Amino acid sequence: MTIAALNSTSASAILPGSGGIRGALSDLFWRRPQLLLFLMLLPPVLWLGVVYIGSLFALLAQSFFSIDEFSGLINHEFTLKTYGDLFQAANLDIILRTVTMAVLVTLASAVIAFPIAYYAARYARGRWKALFYLGVMLPLWSSYLVKIYAWKLILAKEGILTWLLAKLHLLWVLDGWLSLPVVGGNSLSVSATGTFIAFVYVWLPFMILPVQAALERVPGNLVEASSDLGASPGQTFRNVLFPLALPGIVAGSIFTFSLTLGDYIIPQIIGTSRLFIGQAVYSQQGTAGNIPLAAAFTVVPIVIMGFYLWGAKRMGAFDAL
């Protein structure tokens, strides 16, 4: 084949330019892919900025207003009075109760999730690993409300848990626990303990998966080397496994802690009449009509999670997400 024939073949293999505006834009996006990426991301970013960030700023602005105690109307003048109301005994009790519950749920989820995640990371293979992921993810596929009402029936005085404890002759343990102040009540379905159990069940998958991902990254030879050097299983856990899995635990705690802080459905269905932050926001915005105080309550978990995320980032938790 001659050189002229090769040049002719090469020229025919190149598609002709489309010309016009379409061709110019195609050439521009080919030369500058960053511009194409920017234009593709612009609509969702604008939507997110207007709907989400804009609503947050509007909420923050509302928190600096106050409610007129005589007329019940909002006074649109800058004031810190509403934030001062947060430090009243009743409102401060709501904040402390919510934060305490979020901390306890996070700690319990971490304790339960670690052995499950460790088994999945170290021993589960093939079908067993697929079964593990199915078992963890399956509860997330069902309706949130269905799960909560199911737990309300399980924890009720006539529920299956009470029946099981009665069959095992351990009903006295449940009665003794329910007689305790703060954590007890008429039954588990109307107690702080029932709220805690429902929270742990609902958010547990969000802790298991990050911990499992973090344990997957721990080289097996480190555990073997620790054993070869004479370390006991407890020492290996404290000095090898736990420090390396800690970013995954912190990453999971971001979900369990933040979701517990803002949830109002579980305490509304399972629990006592003591309010959580989410319930306080709902009642102040709806029943009481005190939108500035509702906005101030909403700012509290935002500030808490801001500091929490800052600490989590310093611990490398985002790498385990």
C-alpha atoms as a PDB file:
ATOM      1  CA  MET A   1       0.000   0.000   0.000  1.00  0.00           C
ATOM      2  CA  THR A   2       1.369   3.376  -0.986  1.00  0.00           C
ATOM      3  CA  ILE A   3       1.786   6.374   1.270  1.00  0.00           C
ATOM      4  CA  ALA A   4      -0.992   8.195  -0.606  1.00  0.00           C
ATOM      5  CA  ALA A   5      -3.378   5.321   0.058  1.00  0.00           C
ATOM      6  CA  LEU A   6      -2.498   5.324   3.771  1.00  0.00           C
ATOM      7  CA  ASN A   7      -3.129   9.054   3.995  1.00  0.00           C
ATOM      8  CA  SER A   8      -6.452   8.610   2.208  1.00  0.00           C
ATOM      9  CA  THR A   9      -7.504   5.816   4.606  1.00  0.00           C
ATOM     10  CA  SER A  10      -6.489   7.869   7.661  1.00  0.00           C
ATOM     11  CA  ALA A  11      -8.380  10.899   6.393  1.00  0.00           C
ATOM     12  CA  SER A  12     -11.543   8.869   5.802  1.00  0.00           C
ATOM     13  CA  ALA A  13     -11.338   7.394   9.336  1.00  0.00           C
ATOM     14  CA  ILE A  14     -11.633  10.848  10.901  1.00  0.00           C
ATOM     15  CA  LEU A  15     -15.227  12.020  11.071  1.00  0.00           C
ATOM     16  CA  PRO A  16     -15.902  15.414   9.589  1.00  0.00           C
ATOM     17  CA  GLY A  17     -16.674  18.255  11.957  1.00  0.00           C
ATOM     18  CA  SER A  18     -20.345  18.966  12.580  1.00  0.00           C
ATOM     19  CA  GLY A  19     -19.815  22.696  12.238  1.00  0.00           C
ATOM     20  CA  GLY A  20     -22.012  25.443  13.634  1.00  0.00           C
ATOM     21  CA  ILE A  21     -22.764  26.036  17.308  1.00  0.00           C
ATOM     22  CA  ARG A  22     -22.955  22.306  18.068  1.00  0.00           C
ATOM     23  CA  GLY A  23     -19.499  21.692  16.703  1.00  0.00           C
ATOM     24  CA  ALA A  24     -18.030  24.700  18.470  1.00  0.00           C
ATOM     25  CA  LEU A  25     -19.494  23.577  21.818  1.00  0.00           C
ATOM     26  CA  SER A  26     -18.281  20.039  21.264  1.00  0.00           C
ATOM     27  CA  ASP A  27     -14.758  21.280  20.580  1.00  0.00           C
ATOM     28  CA  LEU A  28     -14.906  23.599  23.602  1.00  0.00           C
ATOM     29  CA  PHE A  29     -16.011  20.852  25.993  1.00  0.00           C
ATOM     30  CA  TRP A  30     -13.421  18.460  24.588  1.00  0.00           C
ATOM     31  CA  ARG A  31     -10.634  20.976  25.161  1.00  0.00           C
ATOM     32  CA  ARG A  32     -11.955  22.021  28.590  1.00  0.00           C
ATOM     33  CA  PRO A  33     -13.556  19.052  30.391  1.00  0.00           C
ATOM     34  CA  GLN A  34     -13.610  21.048  33.630  1.00  0.00           C
ATOM     35  CA  LEU A  35     -16.090  23.439  32.037  1.00  0.00           C
ATOM     36  CA  LEU A  36     -18.381  20.526  31.109  1.00  0.00           C
ATOM     37  CA  LEU A  37     -18.169  19.169  34.653  1.00  0.00           C
ATOM     38  CA  PHE A  38     -18.990  22.618  36.049  1.00  0.00           C
ATOM     39  CA  LEU A  39     -22.063  23.004  33.842  1.00  0.00           C
ATOM     40  CA  MET A  40     -23.307  19.504  34.749  1.00  0.00           C
ATOM     41  CA  LEU A  41     -22.942  20.153  38.473  1.00  0.00           C
ATOM     42  CA  LEU A  42     -24.356  23.676  38.369  1.00  0.00           C
ATOM     43  CA  PRO A  43     -28.117  22.774  38.434  1.00  0.00           C
ATOM     44  CA  PRO A  44     -27.963  20.351  41.428  1.00  0.00           C
ATOM     45  CA  VAL A  45     -25.571  22.678  43.280  1.00  0.00           C
ATOM     46  CA  LEU A  46     -27.909  25.631  42.747  1.00  0.00           C
ATOM     47  CA  TRP A  47     -30.876  23.534  43.855  1.00  0.00           C
ATOM     48  CA  LEU A  48     -29.013  22.375  46.938  1.00  0.00           C
ATOM     49  CA  GLY A  49     -27.848  25.892  47.700  1.00  0.00           C
ATOM     50  CA  VAL A  50     -31.300  27.449  47.357  1.00  0.00           C
ATOM     51  CA  VAL A  51     -33.401  24.734  48.991  1.00  0.00           C
ATOM     52  CA  TYR A  52     -31.046  23.398  51.662  1.00  0.00           C
ATOM     53  CA  ILE A  53     -28.476  26.090  52.442  1.00  0.00           C
ATOM     54  CA  GLY A  54     -31.049  28.820  51.886  1.00  0.00           C
ATOM     55  CA  SER A  55     -33.505  27.191  54.270  1.00  0.00           C
ATOM     56  CA  LEU A  56     -30.771  26.839  56.888  1.00  0.00           C
ATOM     57  CA  PHE A  57     -29.954  30.545  56.666  1.00  0.00           C
ATOM     58  CA  ALA A  58     -33.656  31.383  56.875  1.00  0.00           C
ATOM     59  CA  LEU A  59     -33.914  29.138  59.920  1.00  0.00           C
ATOM     60  CA  LEU A  60     -30.894  30.799  61.507  1.00  0.00           C
ATOM     61  CA  ALA A  61     -32.420  34.212  60.873  1.00  0.00           C
ATOM     62  CA  GLN A  62     -35.697  33.141  62.516  1.00  0.00           C
ATOM     63  CA  SER A  63     -33.830  32.089  65.642  1.00  0.00           C
ATOM     64  CA  PHE A  64     -32.721  35.696  66.212  1.00  0.00           C
ATOM     65  CA  PHE A  65     -36.328  36.879  66.375  1.00  0.00           C
ATOM     66  CA  SER A  66     -38.634  36.566  69.362  1.00  0.00           C
ATOM     67  CA  ILE A  67     -42.283  35.923  70.089  1.00  0.00           C
ATOM     68  CA  ASP A  68     -44.475  38.612  71.617  1.00  0.00           C
ATOM     69  CA  GLU A  69     -45.872  37.134  74.812  1.00  0.00           C
ATOM     70  CA  PHE A  70     -49.088  39.185  74.652  1.00  0.00           C
ATOM     71  CA  SER A  71     -50.082  39.036  70.977  1.00  0.00           C
ATOM     72  CA  GLY A  72     -48.324  35.766  70.070  1.00  0.00           C
ATOM     73  CA  LEU A  73     -46.893  37.423  66.951  1.00  0.00           C
ATOM     74  CA  ILE A  74     -43.263  37.224  65.861  1.00  0.00           C
ATOM     75  CA  ASN A  75     -41.212  40.307  66.641  1.00  0.00           C
ATOM     76  CA  HIS A  76     -38.842  40.744  63.682  1.00  0.00           C
ATOM     77  CA  GLU A  77     -36.121  42.549  65.602  1.00  0.00           C
ATOM     78  CA  PHE A  78     -32.642  41.158  66.207  1.00  0.00           C
ATOM     79  CA  THR A  79     -32.404  39.722  69.713  1.00  0.00           C
ATOM     80  CA  LEU A  80     -30.717  36.913  71.646  1.00  0.00           C
ATOM     81  CA  LYS A  81     -33.698  36.474  73.937  1.00  0.00           C
ATOM     82  CA  THR A  82     -34.795  33.268  72.202  1.00  0.00           C
ATOM     83  CA  TYR A  83     -31.373  31.680  72.734  1.00  0.00           C
ATOM     84  CA  GLY A  84     -31.600  32.735  76.349  1.00  0.00           C
ATOM     85  CA  ASP A  85     -34.874  30.806  76.580  1.00  0.00           C
ATOM     86  CA  LEU A  86     -32.975  27.644  75.651  1.00  0.00           C
ATOM     87  CA  PHE A  87     -31.208  27.810  79.007  1.00  0.00           C
ATOM     88  CA  GLN A  88     -34.425  27.671  80.951  1.00  0.00           C
ATOM     89  CA  ALA A  89     -34.652  24.533  83.074  1.00  0.00           C
ATOM     90  CA  ALA A  90     -37.313  22.810  80.935  1.00  0.00           C
ATOM     91  CA  ASN A  91     -35.589  23.486  77.615  1.00  0.00           C
ATOM     92  CA  LEU A  92     -32.125  22.665  78.938  1.00  0.00           C
ATOM     93  CA  ASP A  93     -33.519  19.366  80.232  1.00  0.00           C
ATOM     94  CA  ILE A  94     -34.739  18.536  76.712  1.00  0.00           C
ATOM     95  CA  ILE A  95     -31.296  19.230  75.233  1.00  0.00           C
ATOM     96  CA  LEU A  96     -29.443  17.214  77.878  1.00  0.00           C
ATOM     97  CA  ARG A  97     -31.893  14.308  77.544  1.00  0.00           C
ATOM     98  CA  THR A  98     -31.465  14.192  73.769  1.00  0.00           C
ATOM     99  CA  VAL A  99     -27.672  14.412  73.852  1.00  0.00           C
ATOM    100  CA  THR A 100     -27.471  11.745  76.571  1.00  0.00           C
ATOM    101  CA  MET A 101     -29.679   9.401  74.566  1.00  0.00           C
ATOM    102  CA  ALA A 102     -27.596  10.025  71.423  1.00  0.00           C
ATOM    103  CA  VAL A 103     -24.372   9.215  73.290  1.00  0.00           C
ATOM    104  CA  LEU A 104     -25.793   6.036  74.847  1.00  0.00           C
ATOM    105  CA  VAL A 105     -27.222   4.843  71.515  1.00  0.00           C
ATOM    106  CA  THR A 106     -23.881   5.476  69.809  1.00  0.00           C
ATOM    107  CA  LEU A 107     -21.900   3.592  72.455  1.00  0.00           C
ATOM    108  CA  ALA A 108     -24.306   0.641  72.469  1.00  0.00           C
ATOM    109  CA  SER A 109     -24.316   0.481  68.667  1.00  0.00           C
ATOM    110  CA  ALA A 110     -20.509   0.419  68.610  1.00  0.00           C
ATOM    111  CA  VAL A 111     -20.352  -2.398  71.191  1.00  0.00           C
ATOM    112  CA  ILE A 112     -22.902  -4.501  69.307  1.00  0.00           C
ATOM    113  CA  ALA A 113     -21.574  -3.712  65.836  1.00  0.00           C
ATOM    114  CA  PHE A 114     -17.885  -4.471  66.467  1.00  0.00           C
ATOM    115  CA  PRO A 115     -18.080  -8.299  66.850  1.00  0.00           C
ATOM    116  CA  ILE A 116     -20.532  -8.533  63.939  1.00  0.00           C
ATOM    117  CA  ALA A 117     -18.283  -6.422  61.725  1.00  0.00           C
ATOM    118  CA  TYR A 118     -15.171  -8.299  62.864  1.00  0.00           C
ATOM    119  CA  TYR A 119     -16.681 -11.661  61.946  1.00  0.00           C
ATOM    120  CA  ALA A 120     -17.751 -10.343  58.540  1.00  0.00           C
ATOM    121  CA  ALA A 121     -14.329  -8.833  57.850  1.00  0.00           C
ATOM    122  CA  ARG A 122     -12.219 -11.756  59.040  1.00  0.00           C
ATOM    123  CA  TYR A 123     -14.193 -14.945  58.570  1.00  0.00           C
ATOM    124  CA  ALA A 124     -17.144 -14.422  56.233  1.00  0.00           C
ATOM    125  CA  ARG A 125     -16.391 -15.420  52.653  1.00  0.00           C
ATOM    126  CA  GLY A 126     -18.429 -15.955  49.525  1.00  0.00           C
ATOM    127  CA  ARG A 127     -22.063 -16.726  50.284  1.00  0.00           C
ATOM    128  CA  TRP A 128     -21.643 -15.957  53.965  1.00  0.00           C
ATOM    129  CA  LYS A 129     -20.420 -12.434  53.219  1.00  0.00           C
ATOM    130  CA  ALA A 130     -23.322 -11.910  50.824  1.00  0.00           C
ATOM    131  CA  LEU A 131     -25.655 -13.177  53.557  1.00  0.00           C
ATOM    132  CA  PHE A 132     -24.044 -10.746  55.988  1.00  0.00           C
ATOM    133  CA  TYR A 133     -24.672  -7.756  53.726  1.00  0.00           C
ATOM    134  CA  LEU A 134     -28.212  -8.950  53.088  1.00  0.00           C
ATOM    135  CA  GLY A 135     -28.878  -9.308  56.810  1.00  0.00           C
ATOM    136  CA  VAL A 136     -27.505  -5.828  57.561  1.00  0.00           C
ATOM    137  CA  MET A 137     -29.233  -4.078  54.675  1.00  0.00           C
ATOM    138  CA  LEU A 138     -32.567  -5.904  54.779  1.00  0.00           C
ATOM    139  CA  PRO A 139     -33.979  -3.892  57.727  1.00  0.00           C
ATOM    140  CA  LEU A 140     -33.219  -0.686  55.806  1.00  0.00           C
ATOM    141  CA  TRP A 141     -35.516  -1.800  52.981  1.00  0.00           C
ATOM    142  CA  SER A 142     -38.618  -1.958  55.155  1.00  0.00           C
ATOM    143  CA  SER A 143     -40.736   1.023  56.149  1.00  0.00           C
ATOM    144  CA  TYR A 144     -39.397   3.116  58.997  1.00  0.00           C
ATOM    145  CA  LEU A 145     -42.825   3.508  60.590  1.00  0.00           C
ATOM    146  CA  VAL A 146     -43.602  -0.187  60.245  1.00  0.00           C
ATOM    147  CA  LYS A 147     -40.445  -1.050  62.163  1.00  0.00           C
ATOM    148  CA  ILE A 148     -41.216   1.417  64.945  1.00  0.00           C
ATOM    149  CA  TYR A 149     -44.798   0.228  65.386  1.00  0.00           C
ATOM    150  CA  ALA A 150     -43.575  -3.377  65.306  1.00  0.00           C
ATOM    151  CA  TRP A 151     -41.202  -2.598  68.188  1.00  0.00           C
ATOM    152  CA  LYS A 152     -44.036  -0.884  70.046  1.00  0.00           C
ATOM    153  CA  LEU A 153     -45.989  -4.154  69.882  1.00  0.00           C
ATOM    154  CA  ILE A 154     -42.931  -6.209  70.862  1.00  0.00           C
ATOM    155  CA  LEU A 155     -42.187  -3.998  73.872  1.00  0.00           C
ATOM    156  CA  ALA A 156     -45.809  -3.612  75.003  1.00  0.00           C
ATOM    157  CA  LYS A 157     -46.967  -5.135  78.283  1.00  0.00           C
ATOM    158  CA  GLU A 158     -48.871  -7.778  76.307  1.00  0.00           C
ATOM    159  CA  GLY A 159     -46.035  -8.159  73.783  1.00  0.00           C
ATOM    160  CA  ILE A 160     -43.888 -11.131  72.919  1.00  0.00           C
ATOM    161  CA  LEU A 161     -40.946  -9.962  75.028  1.00  0.00           C
ATOM    162  CA  THR A 162     -43.036  -9.913  78.198  1.00  0.00           C
ATOM    163  CA  TRP A 163     -44.494 -13.310  77.277  1.00  0.00           C
ATOM    164  CA  LEU A 164     -41.000 -14.756  76.766  1.00  0.00           C
ATOM    165  CA  LEU A 165     -39.713 -13.414  80.081  1.00  0.00           C
ATOM    166  CA  ALA A 166     -42.787 -14.846  81.818  1.00  0.00           C
ATOM    167  CA  LYS A 167     -42.102 -18.281  80.289  1.00  0.00           C
ATOM    168  CA  LEU A 168     -38.501 -18.078  81.526  1.00  0.00           C
ATOM    169  CA  HIS A 169     -39.679 -16.955  84.985  1.00  0.00           C
ATOM    170  CA  LEU A 170     -37.695 -13.724  84.607  1.00  0.00           C
ATOM    171  CA  LEU A 171     -40.607 -11.322  84.669  1.00  0.00           C
ATOM    172  CA  TRP A 172     -39.446 -10.061  88.066  1.00  0.00           C
ATOM    173  CA  VAL A 173     -36.291  -8.720  86.391  1.00  0.00           C
ATOM    174  CA  LEU A 174     -38.363  -6.665  83.955  1.00  0.00           C
ATOM    175  CA  ASP A 175     -40.667  -5.417  86.729  1.00  0.00           C
ATOM    176  CA  GLY A 176     -37.663  -4.402  88.810  1.00  0.00           C
ATOM    177  CA  TRP A 177     -36.118  -2.524  85.898  1.00  0.00           C
ATOM    178  CA  LEU A 178     -39.358  -0.739  85.021  1.00  0.00           C
ATOM    179  CA  SER A 179     -39.717   0.382  88.632  1.00  0.00           C
ATOM    180  CA  LEU A 180     -36.481   2.388  88.376  1.00  0.00           C
ATOM    181  CA  PRO A 181     -36.794   6.160  87.909  1.00  0.00           C
ATOM    182  CA  VAL A 182     -35.867   7.791  84.571  1.00  0.00           C
ATOM    183  CA  VAL A 183     -35.382   4.495  82.671  1.00  0.00           C
ATOM    184  CA  GLY A 184     -38.597   2.768  83.763  1.00  0.00           C
ATOM    185  CA  GLY A 185     -42.319   3.127  83.151  1.00  0.00           C
ATOM    186  CA  ASN A 186     -45.563   1.178  82.955  1.00  0.00           C
ATOM    187  CA  SER A 187     -44.057  -1.014  80.210  1.00  0.00           C
ATOM    188  CA  LEU A 188     -41.052  -0.999  77.910  1.00  0.00           C
ATOM    189  CA  SER A 189     -43.119   0.615  75.159  1.00  0.00           C
ATOM    190  CA  VAL A 190     -43.671   3.709  77.321  1.00  0.00           C
ATOM    191  CA  SER A 191     -40.224   3.998  78.870  1.00  0.00           C
ATOM    192  CA  ALA A 192     -36.854   5.529  78.071  1.00  0.00           C
ATOM    193  CA  THR A 193     -35.473   2.000  77.841  1.00  0.00           C
ATOM    194  CA  GLY A 194     -37.883   1.191  75.022  1.00  0.00           C
ATOM    195  CA  THR A 195     -36.871   4.370  73.197  1.00  0.00           C
ATOM    196  CA  PHE A 196     -33.220   3.359  73.582  1.00  0.00           C
ATOM    197  CA  ILE A 197     -33.850  -0.160  72.230  1.00  0.00           C
ATOM    198  CA  ALA A 198     -35.719   1.161  69.190  1.00  0.00           C
ATOM    199  CA  PHE A 199     -33.003   3.714  68.450  1.00  0.00           C
ATOM    200  CA  VAL A 200     -30.244   1.084  68.609  1.00  0.00           C
ATOM    201  CA  TYR A 201     -32.142  -1.293  66.340  1.00  0.00           C
ATOM    202  CA  VAL A 202     -32.931   1.323  63.688  1.00  0.00           C
ATOM    203  CA  TRP A 203     -29.453   2.915  63.489  1.00  0.00           C
ATOM    204  CA  LEU A 204     -27.309  -0.211  64.065  1.00  0.00           C
ATOM    205  CA  PRO A 205     -26.713  -0.917  60.326  1.00  0.00           C
ATOM    206  CA  PHE A 206     -25.209   2.555  59.959  1.00  0.00           C
ATOM    207  CA  MET A 207     -22.583   1.568  62.524  1.00  0.00           C
ATOM    208  CA  ILE A 208     -21.878  -1.964  61.294  1.00  0.00           C
ATOM    209  CA  LEU A 209     -20.958  -1.080  57.708  1.00  0.00           C
ATOM    210  CA  PRO A 210     -18.283   1.596  58.427  1.00  0.00           C
ATOM    211  CA  VAL A 211     -16.712  -0.576  61.130  1.00  0.00           C
ATOM    212  CA  GLN A 212     -16.655  -3.556  58.801  1.00  0.00           C
ATOM    213  CA  ALA A 213     -15.037  -1.432  56.080  1.00  0.00           C
ATOM    214  CA  ALA A 214     -12.379  -0.219  58.533  1.00  0.00           C
ATOM    215  CA  LEU A 215     -11.614  -3.764  59.733  1.00  0.00           C
ATOM    216  CA  GLU A 216     -11.311  -4.924  56.117  1.00  0.00           C
ATOM    217  CA  ARG A 217      -8.362  -2.523  55.752  1.00  0.00           C
ATOM    218  CA  VAL A 218      -6.485  -3.969  58.748  1.00  0.00           C
ATOM    219  CA  PRO A 219      -3.798  -6.361  57.418  1.00  0.00           C
ATOM    220  CA  GLY A 220      -4.168  -9.832  58.875  1.00  0.00           C
ATOM    221  CA  ASN A 221      -0.424 -10.152  59.390  1.00  0.00           C
ATOM    222  CA  LEU A 222      -0.560  -7.391  62.031  1.00  0.00           C
ATOM    223  CA  VAL A 223      -2.844  -9.519  64.192  1.00  0.00           C
ATOM    224  CA  GLU A 224      -0.646 -12.566  63.622  1.00  0.00           C
ATOM    225  CA  ALA A 225       2.499 -10.590  64.445  1.00  0.00           C
ATOM    226  CA  SER A 226       0.930  -9.380  67.676  1.00  0.00           C
ATOM    227  CA  SER A 227       0.153 -12.953  68.648  1.00  0.00           C
ATOM    228  CA  ASP A 228       3.638 -14.139  67.681  1.00  0.00           C
ATOM    229  CA  LEU A 229       5.163 -11.463  69.902  1.00  0.00           C
ATOM    230  CA  GLY A 230       3.296 -12.860  72.887  1.00  0.00           C
ATOM    231  CA  ALA A 231       0.376 -10.455  73.104  1.00  0.00           C
ATOM    232  CA  SER A 232      -2.843 -11.766  74.583  1.00  0.00           C
ATOM    233  CA  PRO A 233      -6.118 -11.396  72.650  1.00  0.00           C
ATOM    234  CA  GLY A 234      -7.043  -8.467  74.892  1.00  0.00           C
ATOM    235  CA  GLN A 235      -3.722  -6.718  74.235  1.00  0.00           C
ATOM    236  CA  THR A 236      -4.083  -7.308  70.501  1.00  0.00           C
ATOM    237  CA  PHE A 237      -7.538  -5.768  70.579  1.00  0.00           C
ATOM    238  CA  ARG A 238      -6.455  -2.719  72.599  1.00  0.00           C
ATOM    239  CA  ASN A 239      -3.187  -2.028  70.793  1.00  0.00           C
ATOM    240  CA  VAL A 240      -3.826  -3.219  67.224  1.00  0.00           C
ATOM    241  CA  LEU A 241      -7.446  -3.774  66.246  1.00  0.00           C
ATOM    242  CA  PHE A 242      -9.201  -1.016  68.142  1.00  0.00           C
ATOM    243  CA  PRO A 243      -6.862   1.860  67.151  1.00  0.00           C
ATOM    244  CA  LEU A 244      -7.028   0.852  63.479  1.00  0.00           C
ATOM    245  CA  ALA A 245     -10.808   0.351  63.577  1.00  0.00           C
ATOM    246  CA  LEU A 246     -11.427   3.591  65.480  1.00  0.00           C
ATOM    247  CA  PRO A 247     -11.901   5.738  62.337  1.00  0.00           C
ATOM    248  CA  GLY A 248     -14.651   3.348  61.232  1.00  0.00           C
ATOM    249  CA  ILE A 249     -16.299   3.511  64.648  1.00  0.00           C
ATOM    250  CA  VAL A 250     -16.196   7.310  64.589  1.00  0.00           C
ATOM    251  CA  ALA A 251     -17.577   7.295  61.039  1.00  0.00           C
ATOM    252  CA  GLY A 252     -20.475   5.104  62.138  1.00  0.00           C
ATOM    253  CA  SER A 253     -21.038   7.282  65.177  1.00  0.00           C
ATOM    254  CA  ILE A 254     -21.612  10.255  62.874  1.00  0.00           C
ATOM    255  CA  PHE A 255     -24.755   8.533  61.618  1.00  0.00           C
ATOM    256  CA  THR A 256     -26.015   7.096  64.906  1.00  0.00           C
ATOM    257  CA  PHE A 257     -25.332  10.268  66.888  1.00  0.00           C
ATOM    258  CA  SER A 258     -26.743  12.752  64.381  1.00  0.00           C
ATOM    259  CA  LEU A 259     -29.798  10.662  63.504  1.00  0.00           C
ATOM    260  CA  THR A 260     -30.665  10.206  67.175  1.00  0.00           C
ATOM    261  CA  LEU A 261     -30.240  13.925  67.821  1.00  0.00           C
ATOM    262  CA  GLY A 262     -32.768  14.898  65.169  1.00  0.00           C
ATOM    263  CA  ASP A 263     -35.304  12.064  65.313  1.00  0.00           C
ATOM    264  CA  TYR A 264     -38.727  12.826  66.745  1.00  0.00           C
ATOM    265  CA  ILE A 265     -40.783   9.872  65.480  1.00  0.00           C
ATOM    266  CA  ILE A 266     -39.332   7.162  67.729  1.00  0.00           C
ATOM    267  CA  PRO A 267     -39.739   9.179  70.974  1.00  0.00           C
ATOM    268  CA  GLN A 268     -43.238  10.121  69.825  1.00  0.00           C
ATOM    269  CA  ILE A 269     -44.321   6.489  69.355  1.00  0.00           C
ATOM    270  CA  ILE A 270     -42.135   4.656  71.899  1.00  0.00           C
ATOM    271  CA  GLY A 271     -41.306   6.424  75.105  1.00  0.00           C
ATOM    272  CA  THR A 272     -42.593   8.697  77.802  1.00  0.00           C
ATOM    273  CA  SER A 273     -44.025  12.197  77.689  1.00  0.00           C
ATOM    274  CA  ARG A 274     -40.550  13.691  78.157  1.00  0.00           C
ATOM    275  CA  LEU A 275     -39.669  15.597  74.999  1.00  0.00           C
ATOM    276  CA  PHE A 276     -36.596  15.307  72.777  1.00  0.00           C
ATOM    277  CA  ILE A 277     -35.234  18.093  70.572  1.00  0.00           C
ATOM    278  CA  GLY A 278     -37.115  16.882  67.504  1.00  0.00           C
ATOM    279  CA  GLN A 279     -40.393  16.780  69.403  1.00  0.00           C
ATOM    280  CA  ALA A 280     -39.729  20.219  70.868  1.00  0.00           C
ATOM    281  CA  VAL A 281     -39.158  21.652  67.393  1.00  0.00           C
ATOM    282  CA  TYR A 282     -42.353  20.043  66.135  1.00  0.00           C
ATOM    283  CA  SER A 283     -44.462  21.241  69.046  1.00  0.00           C
ATOM    284  CA  GLN A 284     -43.051  24.773  69.122  1.00  0.00           C
ATOM    285  CA  GLN A 285     -43.436  25.212  65.373  1.00  0.00           C
ATOM    286  CA  GLY A 286     -46.846  23.589  65.141  1.00  0.00           C
ATOM    287  CA  THR A 287     -48.870  23.627  68.356  1.00  0.00           C
ATOM    288  CA  ALA A 288     -47.314  26.587  70.163  1.00  0.00           C
ATOM    289  CA  GLY A 289     -46.572  28.629  67.039  1.00  0.00           C
ATOM    290  CA  ASN A 290     -43.269  29.808  68.517  1.00  0.00           C
ATOM    291  CA  ILE A 291     -41.177  29.584  65.350  1.00  0.00           C
ATOM    292  CA  PRO A 292     -38.151  31.500  66.774  1.00  0.00           C
ATOM    293  CA  LEU A 293     -37.810  29.026  69.665  1.00  0.00           C
ATOM    294  CA  ALA A 294     -38.283  26.097  67.269  1.00  0.00           C
ATOM    295  CA  ALA A 295     -35.505  27.538  65.087  1.00  0.00           C
ATOM    296  CA  ALA A 296     -33.251  28.000  68.114  1.00  0.00           C
ATOM    297  CA  PHE A 297     -33.858  24.374  69.122  1.00  0.00           C
ATOM    298  CA  THR A 298     -32.923  23.312  65.572  1.00  0.00           C
ATOM    299  CA  VAL A 299     -29.647  25.213  65.715  1.00  0.00           C
ATOM    300  CA  VAL A 300     -28.549  23.183  68.765  1.00  0.00           C
ATOM    301  CA  PRO A 301     -27.954  19.836  66.941  1.00  0.00           C
ATOM    302  CA  ILE A 302     -26.413  21.737  64.011  1.00  0.00           C
ATOM    303  CA  VAL A 303     -23.816  23.290  66.321  1.00  0.00           C
ATOM    304  CA  ILE A 304     -23.217  20.010  68.150  1.00  0.00           C
ATOM    305  CA  MET A 305     -22.729  18.103  64.890  1.00  0.00           C
ATOM    306  CA  GLY A 306     -20.438  20.844  63.568  1.00  0.00           C
ATOM    307  CA  PHE A 307     -18.012  20.269  66.434  1.00  0.00           C
ATOM    308  CA  TYR A 308     -18.539  16.508  66.189  1.00  0.00           C
ATOM    309  CA  LEU A 309     -17.695  16.422  62.483  1.00  0.00           C
ATOM    310  CA  TRP A 310     -14.640  18.597  63.083  1.00  0.00           C
ATOM    311  CA  GLY A 311     -13.357  16.111  65.667  1.00  0.00           C
ATOM    312  CA  ALA A 312     -14.274  13.142  63.461  1.00  0.00           C
ATOM    313  CA  LYS A 313     -12.335  14.590  60.538  1.00  0.00           C
ATOM    314  CA  ARG A 314      -9.242  15.007  62.702  1.00  0.00           C
ATOM    315  CA  MET A 315      -9.512  11.315  63.615  1.00  0.00           C
ATOM    316  CA  GLY A 316      -9.681  10.248  59.946  1.00  0.00           C
ATOM    317  CA  ALA A 317     -13.287   9.107  60.125  1.00  0.00           C
ATOM    318  CA  PHE A 318     -14.140  10.373  56.637  1.00  0.00           C
ATOM    319  CA  ASP A 319     -11.652   7.918  55.130  1.00  0.00           C
ATOM    320  CA  ALA A 320     -13.768   5.055  56.500  1.00  0.00           C
ATOM    321  CA  LEU A 321     -17.029   6.265  54.996  1.00  0.00           C
END
